[in-house]
């Protein structure tokens, strides 16, 4: 059974950093792409970042325009975990963050392409 579990969300001040984790089970992590999405109250779910499958550096990463240069996605296949390092956080980054997989090796556009989702972790950026 495919399962994704996010952790690492917290309350942080503007300019601070957080690292989110997405622990996968029920499948081999390096077989599938993993995406991070977020949803703020009253807003559409937004794609944040995605990492394709692959090992030894043979993978691609993608970022939404609003997080480029501030967020970094990475994967540790040995731990079956994907990370999202978030730096220079802004109040507009406040949202519930979800990880998901499209059950495909490449990152796909649009959250409807992602079949398995975690339960989400809350990130709040506020002073």
Foldseek 3Di string as FASTA:
>chain_A
DWAWAKDWADEAAAQAKTKMKIAIDPDQLLQWKKWKWWDDPPDDIGTAKIWFHDPPPPIDMDGDPVQPPFWDWDDDRVRNMIMIIGGRDDQVVWTWMKMFTLSHRHDDPDPVSTDYIHPTHTHGYHD
